[in-house]
Amino acid sequence: MTTFPAPPTPDVPRPRRSTWKQILITLVCGVVLGLGSCFGFLNSANFNGPSKPGNTLFAIGFVVGLALVVSAGLWALVAIIIAFIRAVRSEQ
């Protein structure tokens, strides 16, 4: 029968993860999705006739990409503020 390891004590600090990689990946994916959707929309747009059904998906993709870029920006702003607060607290 196998024995499970003892749970860690509460005194052990958790290893800190870097959120900058995650923010950068979110930002890059948002830009790629937004630009790709914009290109797809403009490439398949029919200005003189009826619109194609794929244009709706490209428009939705552009909005989602834009939302990802905005959310990554807000996430970065919050991360900067938290890092600043932690730096001020560690100096005291």
Protein backbone atom coordinates (compact mmCIF):
# COMPACT_ATOMS: atom_id res chain seq x y z
CA MET A 1 0.00 0.00 0.00
CA THR A 2 1.33 3.42 -0.91
CA THR A 3 1.59 6.22 1.58
CA PHE A 4 0.85 9.78 0.67
CA PRO A 5 3.34 12.54 1.50
CA ALA A 6 2.58 14.75 4.43
CA PRO A 7 0.78 17.99 3.58
CA PRO A 8 3.04 21.05 3.59
CA THR A 9 3.10 23.16 6.69
CA PRO A 10 1.39 26.54 6.49
CA ASP A 11 4.71 28.30 7.18
CA VAL A 12 6.14 27.34 3.80
CA PRO A 13 5.64 30.21 1.32
CA ARG A 14 4.15 29.36 -2.04
CA PRO A 15 6.47 29.68 -5.00
CA ARG A 16 5.75 32.91 -6.85
CA ARG A 17 4.66 32.58 -10.43
CA SER A 18 5.36 35.17 -13.04
CA THR A 19 2.19 36.67 -14.46
CA TRP A 20 4.08 38.64 -17.10
CA LYS A 21 4.32 35.63 -19.40
CA GLN A 22 0.59 35.07 -19.15
CA ILE A 23 -0.15 38.75 -19.77
CA LEU A 24 2.14 38.80 -22.80
CA ILE A 25 0.58 35.63 -24.25
CA THR A 26 -2.92 37.07 -23.77
CA LEU A 27 -1.91 40.34 -25.39
CA VAL A 28 -0.26 38.67 -28.39
CA CYS A 29 -3.18 36.29 -28.91
CA GLY A 30 -5.63 39.19 -28.77
CA VAL A 31 -3.66 41.15 -31.35
CA VAL A 32 -3.33 38.13 -33.66
CA LEU A 33 -7.03 37.29 -33.36
CA GLY A 34 -8.08 40.89 -33.94
CA LEU A 35 -5.80 41.44 -36.93
CA GLY A 36 -6.65 38.07 -38.47
CA SER A 37 -10.36 38.70 -38.09
CA CYS A 38 -10.03 42.19 -39.51
CA PHE A 39 -8.15 40.82 -42.51
CA GLY A 40 -10.74 38.07 -43.01
CA PHE A 41 -13.59 40.55 -42.79
CA LEU A 42 -12.06 42.96 -45.27
CA ASN A 43 -11.02 40.15 -47.61
CA SER A 44 -14.52 38.67 -47.79
CA ALA A 45 -16.48 41.92 -47.66
CA ASN A 46 -18.80 42.50 -50.59
CA PHE A 47 -19.53 46.22 -50.61
CA ASN A 48 -21.80 46.17 -53.68
CA GLY A 49 -23.89 43.12 -52.86
CA PRO A 50 -25.23 40.99 -50.05
CA SER A 51 -22.92 40.24 -47.15
CA LYS A 52 -21.48 36.78 -46.62
CA PRO A 53 -22.43 34.84 -43.49
CA GLY A 54 -18.75 34.49 -42.51
CA ASN A 55 -18.46 38.23 -42.03
CA THR A 56 -20.42 37.97 -38.80
CA LEU A 57 -17.88 35.49 -37.43
CA PHE A 58 -15.00 37.74 -38.46
CA ALA A 59 -16.66 40.71 -36.76
CA ILE A 60 -17.19 38.68 -33.58
CA GLY A 61 -13.54 37.54 -33.72
CA PHE A 62 -12.41 41.14 -34.02
CA VAL A 63 -14.47 42.17 -30.98
CA VAL A 64 -13.16 39.23 -28.97
CA GLY A 65 -9.58 40.10 -29.97
CA LEU A 66 -10.14 43.70 -28.98
CA ALA A 67 -11.57 42.57 -25.64
CA LEU A 68 -8.50 40.38 -25.06
CA VAL A 69 -6.17 43.29 -25.73
CA VAL A 70 -8.10 45.54 -23.33
CA SER A 71 -8.23 42.86 -20.63
CA ALA A 72 -4.49 42.15 -20.98
CA GLY A 73 -3.84 45.88 -20.62
CA LEU A 74 -5.93 46.08 -17.47
CA TRP A 75 -4.28 42.92 -16.14
CA ALA A 76 -0.84 44.47 -16.74
CA LEU A 77 -1.90 47.68 -15.00
CA VAL A 78 -3.11 45.76 -11.95
CA ALA A 79 0.10 43.68 -11.92
CA ILE A 80 2.20 46.85 -11.99
CA ILE A 81 0.21 48.37 -9.13
CA ILE A 82 0.52 45.17 -7.07
CA ALA A 83 4.27 45.00 -7.74
CA PHE A 84 4.62 48.64 -6.67
CA ILE A 85 2.67 48.03 -3.46
CA ARG A 86 4.76 44.96 -2.64
CA ALA A 87 7.97 46.92 -3.26
CA VAL A 88 6.84 49.71 -0.94
CA ARG A 89 5.84 47.22 1.76
CA SER A 90 9.17 45.40 1.58
CA GLU A 91 11.08 48.65 2.10
CA GLN A 92 9.33 49.35 5.40
